[in-house]
Amino acid sequence: VQLQASGGGLVQPGGSLRLSCAAFGNMYSINRMAWYRQAPGKQRDLVAAITYDGSPNYADAVKGRFTISMDKAKNTVYLQMNSLKPEDTAVYYCFLLRNYGLGHLENWGQGTLVTVSS
């Protein structure tokens, strides 16, 4: 399975971006897809996740500003980011978790840079 993320870029504070992550390959038993981010010098943190049945959850820092969604037909997860702040600047990574036997399989995308600056 490969994950291809896109949509990052430079945006002014208060602006919006939409990230996309398309999954290619043997897409069976999807448990959830998610977005993580990693700012320079910091750990990688969960931003938002969505289960295959469509239940989302968000980090407190992005609640009310970001929306995660999944298009099952396209095996694609989106992250709509509104009211962006400088502290949202980071490399954003998409993540796929699949059920496999009694465990799980994890896949990561290559990351896309989001820079929020005036």
N, C-alpha and C. Protein backbone atom coordinates (compact mmCIF):
# COMPACT_ATOMS: atom_id res chain seq x y z
N VAL A 1 0.84 -1.19 0.00
CA VAL A 1 0.00 0.00 0.00
C VAL A 1 0.88 1.25 0.00
N GLN A 2 0.52 2.20 -0.83
CA GLN A 2 1.21 3.50 -0.84
C GLN A 2 0.21 4.61 -0.56
N LEU A 3 0.67 5.60 0.19
CA LEU A 3 -0.15 6.77 0.49
C LEU A 3 0.50 7.99 -0.15
N GLN A 4 -0.28 8.73 -0.90
CA GLN A 4 0.23 9.90 -1.60
C GLN A 4 -0.51 11.13 -1.11
N ALA A 5 0.21 11.99 -0.39
CA ALA A 5 -0.38 13.19 0.19
C ALA A 5 -0.10 14.39 -0.69
N SER A 6 -1.02 15.33 -0.69
CA SER A 6 -0.86 16.56 -1.46
C SER A 6 -1.69 17.67 -0.83
N GLY A 7 -1.43 18.90 -1.28
CA GLY A 7 -2.25 20.02 -0.85
C GLY A 7 -1.58 21.00 0.08
N GLY A 8 -0.36 20.69 0.51
CA GLY A 8 0.33 21.62 1.39
C GLY A 8 0.77 22.87 0.65
N GLY A 9 1.25 23.85 1.41
CA GLY A 9 1.71 25.08 0.79
C GLY A 9 1.82 26.19 1.80
N LEU A 10 2.00 27.39 1.27
CA LEU A 10 2.12 28.59 2.10
C LEU A 10 0.78 29.32 2.13
N VAL A 11 0.33 29.67 3.31
CA VAL A 11 -0.95 30.36 3.46
C VAL A 11 -0.81 31.39 4.56
N GLN A 12 -1.55 32.46 4.43
CA GLN A 12 -1.52 33.51 5.46
C GLN A 12 -2.36 33.10 6.66
N PRO A 13 -2.06 33.63 7.81
CA PRO A 13 -2.91 33.37 8.99
C PRO A 13 -4.36 33.72 8.69
N GLY A 14 -5.25 32.83 9.14
CA GLY A 14 -6.67 32.99 8.86
C GLY A 14 -7.13 32.33 7.59
N GLY A 15 -6.19 31.87 6.79
CA GLY A 15 -6.52 31.24 5.52
C GLY A 15 -6.90 29.78 5.66
N SER A 16 -7.10 29.14 4.51
CA SER A 16 -7.55 27.74 4.47
C SER A 16 -6.70 26.94 3.49
N LEU A 17 -6.61 25.66 3.77
CA LEU A 17 -5.98 24.69 2.87
C LEU A 17 -6.75 23.38 3.01
N ARG A 18 -6.71 22.58 1.94
CA ARG A 18 -7.26 21.24 2.03
C ARG A 18 -6.18 20.24 1.63
N LEU A 19 -5.89 19.34 2.53
CA LEU A 19 -4.93 18.27 2.26
C LEU A 19 -5.69 17.03 1.78
N SER A 20 -5.06 16.31 0.87
CA SER A 20 -5.62 15.06 0.37
C SER A 20 -4.59 13.95 0.53
N CYS A 21 -5.06 12.75 0.77
CA CYS A 21 -4.17 11.59 0.85
C CYS A 21 -4.88 10.42 0.19
N ALA A 22 -4.33 9.99 -0.94
CA ALA A 22 -4.89 8.87 -1.66
C ALA A 22 -4.10 7.61 -1.36
N ALA A 23 -4.81 6.53 -1.13
CA ALA A 23 -4.18 5.24 -0.84
C ALA A 23 -4.29 4.34 -2.06
N PHE A 24 -3.18 3.68 -2.38
CA PHE A 24 -3.12 2.79 -3.54
C PHE A 24 -2.62 1.43 -3.09
N GLY A 25 -3.24 0.38 -3.65
CA GLY A 25 -2.79 -0.96 -3.33
C GLY A 25 -3.93 -1.81 -2.83
N ASN A 26 -3.58 -2.81 -2.07
CA ASN A 26 -4.56 -3.78 -1.56
C ASN A 26 -5.25 -3.19 -0.33
N MET A 27 -6.36 -2.52 -0.54
CA MET A 27 -7.02 -1.78 0.53
C MET A 27 -8.11 -2.64 1.17
N TYR A 28 -7.69 -3.53 2.04
CA TYR A 28 -8.66 -4.36 2.73
C TYR A 28 -8.67 -4.00 4.21
N SER A 29 -9.79 -4.23 4.83
CA SER A 29 -9.92 -4.12 6.29
C SER A 29 -9.39 -2.80 6.85
N ILE A 30 -9.82 -1.69 6.26
CA ILE A 30 -9.40 -0.40 6.79
C ILE A 30 -10.03 -0.19 8.16
N ASN A 31 -9.21 0.15 9.12
CA ASN A 31 -9.69 0.47 10.47
C ASN A 31 -9.93 1.97 10.57
N ARG A 32 -8.91 2.76 10.20
CA ARG A 32 -9.04 4.20 10.22
C ARG A 32 -7.95 4.85 9.39
N MET A 33 -8.19 6.10 9.05
CA MET A 33 -7.17 6.93 8.42
C MET A 33 -7.02 8.19 9.27
N ALA A 34 -5.86 8.79 9.19
CA ALA A 34 -5.60 9.92 10.09
C ALA A 34 -4.57 10.86 9.48
N TRP A 35 -4.49 12.03 10.08
CA TRP A 35 -3.45 13.01 9.78
C TRP A 35 -2.67 13.29 11.06
N TYR A 36 -1.36 13.26 10.94
CA TYR A 36 -0.46 13.66 12.00
C TYR A 36 0.34 14.87 11.50
N ARG A 37 0.96 15.57 12.42
CA ARG A 37 1.85 16.65 12.00
C ARG A 37 3.06 16.70 12.91
N GLN A 38 4.14 17.21 12.32
CA GLN A 38 5.38 17.33 13.07
C GLN A 38 6.01 18.68 12.75
N ALA A 39 6.10 19.51 13.76
CA ALA A 39 6.76 20.81 13.62
C ALA A 39 8.25 20.63 13.89
N PRO A 40 9.09 21.53 13.41
CA PRO A 40 10.54 21.41 13.62
C PRO A 40 10.87 21.28 15.10
N GLY A 41 11.66 20.26 15.43
CA GLY A 41 12.09 20.07 16.80
C GLY A 41 11.06 19.49 17.74
N LYS A 42 9.92 19.10 17.18
CA LYS A 42 8.86 18.56 18.03
C LYS A 42 8.50 17.15 17.59
N GLN A 43 7.75 16.47 18.43
CA GLN A 43 7.33 15.11 18.10
C GLN A 43 6.16 15.14 17.14
N ARG A 44 5.91 14.00 16.52
CA ARG A 44 4.79 13.88 15.61
C ARG A 44 3.52 13.64 16.43
N ASP A 45 2.52 14.46 16.21
CA ASP A 45 1.28 14.39 16.99
C ASP A 45 0.07 14.15 16.09
N LEU A 46 -0.91 13.50 16.64
CA LEU A 46 -2.17 13.27 15.93
C LEU A 46 -2.91 14.59 15.78
N VAL A 47 -3.39 14.85 14.58
CA VAL A 47 -4.22 16.01 14.30
C VAL A 47 -5.69 15.61 14.26
N ALA A 48 -5.99 14.60 13.46
CA ALA A 48 -7.37 14.14 13.32
C ALA A 48 -7.37 12.73 12.77
N ALA A 49 -8.38 11.98 13.13
CA ALA A 49 -8.53 10.61 12.64
C ALA A 49 -9.99 10.36 12.32
N ILE A 50 -10.22 9.41 11.43
CA ILE A 50 -11.58 9.03 11.09
C ILE A 50 -11.64 7.53 10.89
N THR A 51 -12.62 6.89 11.54
CA THR A 51 -12.77 5.45 11.39
C THR A 51 -13.46 5.13 10.07
N TYR A 52 -13.42 3.85 9.68
CA TYR A 52 -14.02 3.48 8.40
C TYR A 52 -15.53 3.74 8.39
N ASP A 53 -16.15 3.70 9.57
CA ASP A 53 -17.59 3.99 9.62
C ASP A 53 -17.88 5.48 9.74
N GLY A 54 -16.84 6.30 9.69
CA GLY A 54 -17.02 7.75 9.59
C GLY A 54 -16.97 8.53 10.88
N SER A 55 -16.53 7.93 11.96
CA SER A 55 -16.46 8.64 13.24
C SER A 55 -15.14 9.39 13.34
N PRO A 56 -15.19 10.72 13.48
CA PRO A 56 -13.95 11.50 13.55
C PRO A 56 -13.55 11.81 14.99
N ASN A 57 -12.30 12.09 15.16
CA ASN A 57 -11.85 12.70 16.41
C ASN A 57 -10.70 13.65 16.10
N TYR A 58 -10.55 14.67 16.94
CA TYR A 58 -9.62 15.77 16.66
C TYR A 58 -8.78 16.08 17.89
N ALA A 59 -7.59 16.56 17.62
CA ALA A 59 -6.78 17.13 18.68
C ALA A 59 -7.46 18.42 19.15
N ASP A 60 -7.31 18.71 20.43
CA ASP A 60 -7.95 19.91 20.98
C ASP A 60 -7.53 21.17 20.22
N ALA A 61 -6.28 21.21 19.78
CA ALA A 61 -5.75 22.42 19.15
C ALA A 61 -6.42 22.75 17.83
N VAL A 62 -7.10 21.77 17.21
CA VAL A 62 -7.69 22.01 15.89
C VAL A 62 -9.20 21.88 15.87
N LYS A 63 -9.79 21.52 17.01
CA LYS A 63 -11.26 21.36 17.05
C LYS A 63 -11.94 22.65 16.64
N GLY A 64 -12.94 22.50 15.80
CA GLY A 64 -13.69 23.66 15.33
C GLY A 64 -13.07 24.36 14.14
N ARG A 65 -11.83 24.00 13.79
CA ARG A 65 -11.16 24.63 12.65
C ARG A 65 -10.87 23.63 11.53
N PHE A 66 -10.57 22.40 11.89
CA PHE A 66 -10.21 21.38 10.91
C PHE A 66 -11.34 20.36 10.80
N THR A 67 -11.50 19.80 9.61
CA THR A 67 -12.48 18.76 9.37
C THR A 67 -11.85 17.64 8.57
N ILE A 68 -11.96 16.41 9.09
CA ILE A 68 -11.44 15.24 8.38
C ILE A 68 -12.60 14.51 7.73
N SER A 69 -12.37 14.00 6.54
CA SER A 69 -13.41 13.23 5.84
C SER A 69 -12.74 12.15 5.01
N MET A 70 -13.53 11.16 4.63
CA MET A 70 -13.01 10.04 3.86
C MET A 70 -13.93 9.75 2.69
N ASP A 71 -13.36 9.57 1.52
CA ASP A 71 -14.11 9.12 0.35
C ASP A 71 -13.73 7.66 0.13
N LYS A 72 -14.61 6.77 0.52
CA LYS A 72 -14.30 5.34 0.46
C LYS A 72 -14.11 4.87 -0.98
N ALA A 73 -14.88 5.42 -1.89
CA ALA A 73 -14.79 5.00 -3.29
C ALA A 73 -13.43 5.32 -3.88
N LYS A 74 -12.82 6.40 -3.39
CA LYS A 74 -11.51 6.83 -3.90
C LYS A 74 -10.37 6.45 -2.97
N ASN A 75 -10.68 5.79 -1.85
CA ASN A 75 -9.66 5.47 -0.85
C ASN A 75 -8.83 6.70 -0.50
N THR A 76 -9.51 7.80 -0.27
CA THR A 76 -8.84 9.08 -0.04
C THR A 76 -9.37 9.71 1.24
N VAL A 77 -8.46 10.27 2.01
CA VAL A 77 -8.84 11.01 3.20
C VAL A 77 -8.45 12.48 2.99
N TYR A 78 -9.29 13.37 3.47
CA TYR A 78 -9.08 14.80 3.31
C TYR A 78 -8.97 15.47 4.67
N LEU A 79 -8.27 16.57 4.71
CA LEU A 79 -8.23 17.40 5.91
C LEU A 79 -8.46 18.85 5.47
N GLN A 80 -9.65 19.35 5.76
CA GLN A 80 -9.96 20.73 5.48
C GLN A 80 -9.52 21.57 6.66
N MET A 81 -8.63 22.51 6.41
CA MET A 81 -8.06 23.32 7.48
C MET A 81 -8.47 24.77 7.28
N ASN A 82 -9.22 25.29 8.22
CA ASN A 82 -9.67 26.68 8.17
C ASN A 82 -9.08 27.47 9.33
N SER A 83 -9.16 28.78 9.22
CA SER A 83 -8.66 29.66 10.30
C SER A 83 -7.26 29.26 10.74
N LEU A 84 -6.40 29.06 9.78
CA LEU A 84 -5.06 28.57 10.09
C LEU A 84 -4.26 29.59 10.89
N LYS A 85 -3.42 29.06 11.77
CA LYS A 85 -2.59 29.86 12.67
C LYS A 85 -1.12 29.53 12.41
N PRO A 86 -0.23 30.43 12.75
CA PRO A 86 1.20 30.13 12.56
C PRO A 86 1.62 28.85 13.25
N GLU A 87 1.00 28.55 14.39
CA GLU A 87 1.36 27.32 15.11
C GLU A 87 0.88 26.05 14.42
N ASP A 88 0.13 26.17 13.35
CA ASP A 88 -0.25 25.01 12.55
C ASP A 88 0.85 24.64 11.55
N THR A 89 1.88 25.45 11.47
CA THR A 89 2.98 25.17 10.56
C THR A 89 3.67 23.86 10.94
N ALA A 90 3.75 22.95 10.00
CA ALA A 90 4.33 21.62 10.26
C ALA A 90 4.33 20.82 8.96
N VAL A 91 5.02 19.69 9.01
CA VAL A 91 4.85 18.69 7.96
C VAL A 91 3.69 17.79 8.38
N TYR A 92 2.74 17.64 7.50
CA TYR A 92 1.56 16.83 7.77
C TYR A 92 1.69 15.48 7.08
N TYR A 93 1.46 14.43 7.85
CA TYR A 93 1.59 13.07 7.36
C TYR A 93 0.24 12.36 7.42
N CYS A 94 -0.10 11.64 6.37
CA CYS A 94 -1.30 10.82 6.45
C CYS A 94 -0.92 9.41 6.92
N PHE A 95 -1.88 8.75 7.50
CA PHE A 95 -1.66 7.47 8.17
C PHE A 95 -2.85 6.56 7.89
N LEU A 96 -2.54 5.30 7.65
CA LEU A 96 -3.56 4.30 7.40
C LEU A 96 -3.37 3.14 8.37
N LEU A 97 -4.45 2.74 9.03
CA LEU A 97 -4.41 1.58 9.92
C LEU A 97 -5.39 0.54 9.39
N ARG A 98 -4.88 -0.65 9.17
CA ARG A 98 -5.73 -1.74 8.69
C ARG A 98 -5.72 -2.88 9.69
N ASN A 99 -6.85 -3.57 9.78
CA ASN A 99 -6.94 -4.75 10.61
C ASN A 99 -6.25 -5.90 9.89
N TYR A 100 -5.48 -6.67 10.63
CA TYR A 100 -4.78 -7.81 10.04
C TYR A 100 -4.67 -8.89 11.09
N GLY A 101 -5.49 -9.93 10.93
CA GLY A 101 -5.51 -10.97 11.94
C GLY A 101 -5.90 -10.40 13.29
N LEU A 102 -5.08 -10.69 14.30
CA LEU A 102 -5.33 -10.15 15.64
C LEU A 102 -4.63 -8.81 15.85
N GLY A 103 -3.95 -8.33 14.83
CA GLY A 103 -3.22 -7.08 14.96
C GLY A 103 -3.60 -6.07 13.90
N HIS A 104 -2.65 -5.21 13.59
CA HIS A 104 -2.89 -4.14 12.64
C HIS A 104 -1.67 -3.94 11.74
N LEU A 105 -1.91 -3.35 10.60
CA LEU A 105 -0.85 -2.90 9.71
C LEU A 105 -0.91 -1.39 9.61
N GLU A 106 0.26 -0.75 9.62
CA GLU A 106 0.32 0.70 9.55
C GLU A 106 1.05 1.13 8.28
N ASN A 107 0.56 2.19 7.67
CA ASN A 107 1.23 2.80 6.53
C ASN A 107 1.26 4.31 6.72
N TRP A 108 2.37 4.92 6.31
CA TRP A 108 2.54 6.37 6.40
C TRP A 108 2.77 6.96 5.02
N GLY A 109 2.23 8.15 4.81
CA GLY A 109 2.52 8.90 3.60
C GLY A 109 3.82 9.65 3.74
N GLN A 110 4.21 10.35 2.66
CA GLN A 110 5.51 10.99 2.62
C GLN A 110 5.56 12.35 3.30
N GLY A 111 4.43 12.90 3.64
CA GLY A 111 4.39 14.20 4.29
C GLY A 111 4.24 15.34 3.30
N THR A 112 3.49 16.35 3.72
CA THR A 112 3.33 17.55 2.92
C THR A 112 3.45 18.76 3.85
N LEU A 113 4.24 19.74 3.43
CA LEU A 113 4.55 20.88 4.29
C LEU A 113 3.47 21.94 4.23
N VAL A 114 3.01 22.35 5.41
CA VAL A 114 2.08 23.46 5.54
C VAL A 114 2.78 24.58 6.29
N THR A 115 2.85 25.74 5.68
CA THR A 115 3.47 26.90 6.31
C THR A 115 2.44 28.01 6.42
N VAL A 116 2.21 28.47 7.64
CA VAL A 116 1.25 29.55 7.89
C VAL A 116 2.05 30.77 8.32
N SER A 117 2.10 31.75 7.45
CA SER A 117 2.93 32.92 7.71
C SER A 117 2.45 34.08 6.87
N SER A 118 2.62 35.27 7.42
CA SER A 118 2.29 36.47 6.67
C SER A 118 3.54 37.02 5.97
